[in-house]
């Protein structure tokens, strides 16, 4: 866990994201250990981390992607993309149907993410915009509504 905290701290330069990861790990309703993935270099050093956790749209359980963190020295080398692809594959294998995220509008669409507002999905703490995105993982109908995050997200 210390290596994951360090990656998130160095990637984001603040404690919000590492604290969020620790909060998710301590919340049995949000924590999905099989969807917390790391990337390691050739010497086994953790250089990246991605977390998918449980959130809801109404009563429908969905996944939230984030944070995605890569050590600065490894950014721009495909580590983040590899983590996203592996995480989405693991999510599909686990039978999940939908992933939501708040992230960079220019980065995530290359992985198939679309504007959440196009699906009538919103968050209560933020105006609709290009940073709230969704990715359906199968043909299950996408639920509309407000994303309900666990209290640990601080919304």
Protein backbone atom coordinates (compact mmCIF):
# COMPACT_ATOMS: atom_id res chain seq x y z
CA UNK A 1 0.00 0.00 0.00
CA UNK A 2 2.89 2.38 0.68
CA UNK A 3 4.04 2.10 -2.95
CA UNK A 4 0.54 2.90 -4.22
CA UNK A 5 0.32 5.92 -1.93
CA UNK A 6 3.72 7.13 -3.13
CA UNK A 7 2.79 6.76 -6.82
CA UNK A 8 -0.42 8.75 -6.29
CA UNK A 9 1.35 11.40 -4.23
CA UNK A 10 4.12 11.90 -6.78
CA UNK A 11 1.74 11.79 -9.76
CA UNK A 12 -0.68 14.36 -8.36
CA UNK A 13 1.58 16.37 -6.03
CA UNK A 14 -1.02 16.47 -3.26
CA UNK A 15 -2.60 14.12 -0.72
CA UNK A 16 -6.18 14.16 -2.04
CA UNK A 17 -5.76 11.17 -4.36
CA UNK A 18 -3.67 8.96 -2.04
CA UNK A 19 -6.12 9.71 0.78
CA UNK A 20 -9.00 8.78 -1.53
CA UNK A 21 -7.38 5.43 -2.36
CA UNK A 22 -6.94 4.69 1.34
CA UNK A 23 -10.53 5.72 2.01
CA UNK A 24 -11.84 3.40 -0.70
CA UNK A 25 -9.75 0.54 0.69
CA UNK A 26 -11.36 1.06 4.10
CA UNK A 27 -14.93 1.11 2.73
CA UNK A 28 -16.24 -2.42 2.07
CA UNK A 29 -19.10 -1.01 -0.02
CA UNK A 30 -16.69 0.74 -2.41
CA UNK A 31 -13.53 -1.42 -2.33
CA UNK A 32 -13.11 -3.97 -5.13
CA UNK A 33 -9.61 -5.41 -4.61
CA UNK A 34 -9.58 -7.20 -7.97
CA UNK A 35 -9.97 -3.79 -9.67
CA UNK A 36 -7.03 -2.05 -7.99
CA UNK A 37 -4.17 -2.66 -10.42
CA UNK A 38 -0.52 -1.68 -10.48
CA UNK A 39 2.11 -1.41 -13.19
CA UNK A 40 5.68 -2.35 -12.31
CA UNK A 41 8.96 -1.75 -14.06
CA UNK A 42 11.51 -4.43 -14.88
CA UNK A 43 12.83 -4.37 -11.33
CA UNK A 44 9.42 -4.78 -9.71
CA UNK A 45 9.05 -1.14 -8.66
CA UNK A 46 5.45 0.11 -8.73
CA UNK A 47 5.29 2.88 -11.35
CA UNK A 48 1.54 3.16 -11.87
CA UNK A 49 -1.80 2.47 -10.22
CA UNK A 50 -5.44 2.48 -11.30
CA UNK A 51 -8.45 2.13 -9.04
CA UNK A 52 -12.01 1.20 -9.91
CA UNK A 53 -14.48 1.46 -7.04
CA UNK A 54 -18.19 0.94 -6.50
CA UNK A 55 -20.58 3.85 -6.89
CA UNK A 56 -24.27 3.92 -7.81
CA UNK A 57 -26.63 5.65 -10.20
CA UNK A 58 -29.81 5.43 -8.19
CA UNK A 59 -29.92 1.79 -7.11
CA UNK A 60 -27.77 0.56 -10.01
CA UNK A 61 -24.19 -0.39 -9.07
CA UNK A 62 -21.57 0.97 -11.48
CA UNK A 63 -17.82 1.53 -11.39
CA UNK A 64 -15.91 4.74 -10.89
CA UNK A 65 -12.45 4.90 -12.46
CA UNK A 66 -9.98 6.95 -10.52
CA UNK A 67 -7.52 7.84 -9.58
CA UNK A 68 -5.18 6.77 -12.34
CA UNK A 69 -1.62 7.61 -11.33
CA UNK A 70 1.74 7.13 -13.05
CA UNK A 71 5.11 8.21 -11.68
CA UNK A 72 6.23 11.38 -13.49
CA UNK A 73 9.33 9.67 -14.94
CA UNK A 74 7.07 7.08 -16.61
CA UNK A 75 4.34 9.39 -17.91
CA UNK A 76 3.94 9.55 -21.68
CA UNK A 77 5.24 5.99 -22.11
CA UNK A 78 1.91 4.16 -22.31
CA UNK A 79 1.75 3.04 -18.67
CA UNK A 80 -1.55 4.81 -18.02
CA UNK A 81 -3.10 3.46 -21.20
CA UNK A 82 -1.99 -0.07 -20.36
CA UNK A 83 -3.52 0.26 -16.89
CA UNK A 84 -6.80 1.54 -18.36
CA UNK A 85 -7.00 -1.30 -20.89
CA UNK A 86 -6.17 -3.91 -18.22
CA UNK A 87 -8.65 -2.38 -15.79
CA UNK A 88 -11.44 -2.29 -18.35
CA UNK A 89 -10.74 -5.91 -19.31
CA UNK A 90 -10.82 -6.93 -15.63
CA UNK A 91 -14.06 -4.97 -15.17
CA UNK A 92 -15.69 -6.76 -18.09
CA UNK A 93 -14.44 -10.12 -16.80
CA UNK A 94 -15.99 -9.31 -13.41
CA UNK A 95 -19.37 -8.78 -15.11
CA UNK A 96 -19.48 -5.01 -14.66
CA UNK A 97 -21.64 -2.99 -17.05
CA UNK A 98 -20.64 0.69 -16.81
CA UNK A 99 -17.63 2.80 -15.84
CA UNK A 100 -17.87 6.50 -15.00
CA UNK A 101 -15.05 8.95 -14.36
CA UNK A 102 -14.10 12.54 -13.80
CA UNK A 103 -10.98 13.07 -15.88
CA UNK A 104 -9.16 14.81 -18.68
CA UNK A 105 -11.55 15.38 -21.59
CA UNK A 106 -8.75 15.01 -24.14
CA UNK A 107 -7.39 11.71 -22.80
CA UNK A 108 -10.17 9.26 -21.96
CA UNK A 109 -12.23 9.40 -25.19
CA UNK A 110 -9.46 7.43 -26.94
CA UNK A 111 -10.51 4.50 -24.74
CA UNK A 112 -14.16 4.86 -25.74
CA UNK A 113 -15.41 7.15 -22.96
CA UNK A 114 -18.25 9.49 -23.91
CA UNK A 115 -19.87 12.50 -22.27
CA UNK A 116 -22.00 11.42 -19.33
CA UNK A 117 -24.53 14.13 -20.11
CA UNK A 118 -25.28 12.35 -23.42
CA UNK A 119 -26.63 9.51 -21.24
CA UNK A 120 -28.42 11.86 -18.82
CA UNK A 121 -25.89 11.00 -16.09
CA UNK A 122 -24.83 13.77 -13.73
CA UNK A 123 -23.14 14.49 -10.39
CA UNK A 124 -24.64 16.70 -7.71
CA UNK A 125 -21.42 18.60 -6.95
CA UNK A 126 -20.39 19.67 -10.45
CA UNK A 127 -21.95 21.28 -13.49
CA UNK A 128 -22.15 19.01 -16.51
CA UNK A 129 -19.06 19.32 -18.63
CA UNK A 130 -16.52 17.47 -20.71
CA UNK A 131 -14.72 15.92 -17.72
CA UNK A 132 -17.60 13.67 -16.60
CA UNK A 133 -17.55 10.62 -18.86
CA UNK A 134 -18.98 7.12 -19.10
CA UNK A 135 -18.08 3.90 -20.87
CA UNK A 136 -20.69 1.16 -21.27
CA UNK A 137 -18.91 -2.21 -21.06
CA UNK A 138 -21.66 -4.24 -22.70
CA UNK A 139 -25.16 -3.90 -24.16
CA UNK A 140 -26.88 -3.47 -20.79
CA UNK A 141 -29.08 -0.34 -20.85
CA UNK A 142 -27.27 2.63 -19.31
CA UNK A 143 -29.11 4.02 -16.28
CA UNK A 144 -29.82 7.75 -16.21
CA UNK A 145 -29.58 9.77 -13.03
CA UNK A 146 -27.21 11.22 -10.47
CA UNK A 147 -24.04 9.36 -9.54
CA UNK A 148 -23.98 8.62 -5.84
CA UNK A 149 -20.46 8.49 -4.47
CA UNK A 150 -19.61 7.12 -1.03
CA UNK A 151 -19.16 9.79 1.65
CA UNK A 152 -15.39 9.29 1.55
CA UNK A 153 -15.32 11.18 -1.77
CA UNK A 154 -16.25 14.31 0.14
CA UNK A 155 -19.09 15.36 -2.17
